[in-house]
Amino acid sequence: EEFRANISFMSHVAPKFKPICTELCKTIMDFLDEKYAVLNTDVRLEMVKGLILIRNKRGLSPDKLLPLLFRLFRCHDKNLRVLLYKHIVNDVKRMNNGKR
C-alpha cells in the first residue's frame, strides 16, 4: 500500500523536475517491461496509471510510452487492458486534434 502511494506521489510531482521525471519513467517502464507478468495486479495498475499521469502532464512522449502500453496488452488483467485501451484511444485523439 505504501509503495503504491509512493508511486502515485512521484508521478504527481515528477513532471516538475525533468531530470527526475526522465529517470523515473525509464525505471518504471523497464521494470514493467521485464516483470509485468509476475507483478501484483494493484502495483502493476498503479505503475501504469503513474506513467499515464506523467504522459498527460506532457512529461513523457507518446513514442516512448505507447510501445510499452501495446506490449502490456499481453497481460491477463482485464482492468489493465481496459485502462490501456481507453488511454491509447484518447491519447491518439488528443494528438490528432489539431491536425484537422
Protein backbone atom coordinates (compact mmCIF):
# COMPACT_ATOMS: atom_id res chain seq x y z
CA GLU A 1 0.00 0.00 0.00
CA GLU A 2 2.81 2.42 0.89
CA PHE A 3 4.70 1.54 -2.29
CA ARG A 4 1.64 2.36 -4.42
CA ALA A 5 1.22 5.66 -2.56
CA ASN A 6 4.89 6.49 -3.28
CA ILE A 7 4.44 5.73 -6.98
CA SER A 8 1.38 7.97 -7.09
CA PHE A 9 3.18 10.80 -5.30
CA MET A 10 6.24 10.59 -7.54
CA SER A 11 4.02 10.56 -10.63
CA HIS A 12 2.29 13.74 -9.50
CA VAL A 13 5.48 15.70 -8.79
CA ALA A 14 7.88 14.22 -11.36
CA PRO A 15 6.84 16.45 -14.31
CA LYS A 16 8.01 19.48 -12.30
CA PHE A 17 11.54 18.02 -12.15
CA LYS A 18 12.60 16.99 -15.66
CA PRO A 19 15.78 15.01 -14.81
CA ILE A 20 13.94 13.02 -12.13
CA CYS A 21 10.95 12.53 -14.41
CA THR A 22 13.07 11.08 -17.19
CA GLU A 23 14.84 8.66 -14.86
CA LEU A 24 11.64 7.68 -13.04
CA CYS A 25 9.81 6.95 -16.29
CA LYS A 26 12.69 4.91 -17.65
CA THR A 27 12.93 2.88 -14.44
CA ILE A 28 9.19 2.17 -14.24
CA MET A 29 8.96 1.35 -17.94
CA ASP A 30 11.94 -1.03 -17.84
CA PHE A 31 10.59 -2.73 -14.73
CA LEU A 32 7.11 -3.14 -16.22
CA ASP A 33 8.52 -4.44 -19.48
CA GLU A 34 10.53 -7.13 -17.70
CA LYS A 35 8.27 -8.10 -14.78
CA TYR A 36 4.70 -7.28 -15.83
CA ALA A 37 3.60 -10.93 -15.70
CA VAL A 38 4.66 -11.55 -12.10
CA LEU A 39 3.74 -8.20 -10.55
CA ASN A 40 0.83 -7.83 -8.17
CA THR A 41 -2.15 -6.55 -10.15
CA ASP A 42 -2.65 -3.48 -7.93
CA VAL A 43 1.02 -2.49 -8.13
CA ARG A 44 1.10 -3.03 -11.90
CA LEU A 45 -2.05 -0.94 -12.35
CA GLU A 46 -0.66 1.86 -10.16
CA MET A 47 2.59 1.93 -12.13
CA VAL A 48 0.71 2.19 -15.42
CA LYS A 49 -1.56 4.90 -14.00
CA GLY A 50 1.54 6.81 -12.90
CA LEU A 51 3.04 6.65 -16.38
CA ILE A 52 -0.26 7.77 -17.89
CA LEU A 53 -0.43 10.67 -15.45
CA ILE A 54 3.07 11.77 -16.39
CA ARG A 55 2.18 11.43 -20.08
CA ASN A 56 -0.96 13.54 -19.59
CA LYS A 57 1.16 16.26 -17.98
CA ARG A 58 3.48 16.20 -21.03
CA GLY A 59 6.32 14.70 -19.01
CA LEU A 60 6.65 11.70 -21.32
CA SER A 61 6.42 11.49 -25.08
CA PRO A 62 3.95 9.11 -26.71
CA ASP A 63 6.63 7.47 -28.84
CA LYS A 64 8.24 6.16 -25.65
CA LEU A 65 5.07 5.17 -23.78
CA LEU A 66 2.79 3.71 -26.45
CA PRO A 67 5.04 0.76 -27.43
CA LEU A 68 5.12 -0.35 -23.79
CA LEU A 69 1.36 0.01 -23.45
CA PHE A 70 0.81 -2.15 -26.52
CA ARG A 71 3.14 -4.81 -25.11
CA LEU A 72 1.18 -4.77 -21.83
CA PHE A 73 -1.94 -5.90 -23.69
CA ARG A 74 -0.49 -9.42 -23.38
CA CYS A 75 -1.18 -9.29 -19.65
CA HIS A 76 -4.15 -11.32 -18.42
CA ASP A 77 -5.62 -8.45 -16.39
CA LYS A 78 -8.90 -7.15 -17.76
CA ASN A 79 -8.87 -3.92 -15.70
CA LEU A 80 -5.40 -3.11 -17.00
CA ARG A 81 -6.37 -3.79 -20.62
CA VAL A 82 -9.46 -1.57 -20.30
CA LEU A 83 -7.30 1.26 -18.90
CA LEU A 84 -4.70 0.78 -21.65
CA TYR A 85 -7.33 0.80 -24.39
CA LYS A 86 -9.01 3.97 -23.09
CA HIS A 87 -5.72 5.81 -22.70
CA ILE A 88 -4.35 4.82 -26.10
CA VAL A 89 -7.53 5.86 -27.90
CA ASN A 90 -7.76 9.17 -26.03
CA ASP A 91 -4.06 9.91 -26.48
CA VAL A 92 -4.21 9.33 -30.22
CA LYS A 93 -7.34 11.51 -30.44
CA ARG A 94 -5.60 14.27 -28.50
CA MET A 95 -2.50 14.09 -30.72
CA ASN A 96 -4.63 14.33 -33.86
CA ASN A 97 -6.94 17.06 -32.52
CA GLY A 98 -5.05 19.98 -34.06
CA LYS A 99 -4.42 18.24 -37.39
CA ARG A 100 -7.84 18.93 -38.91
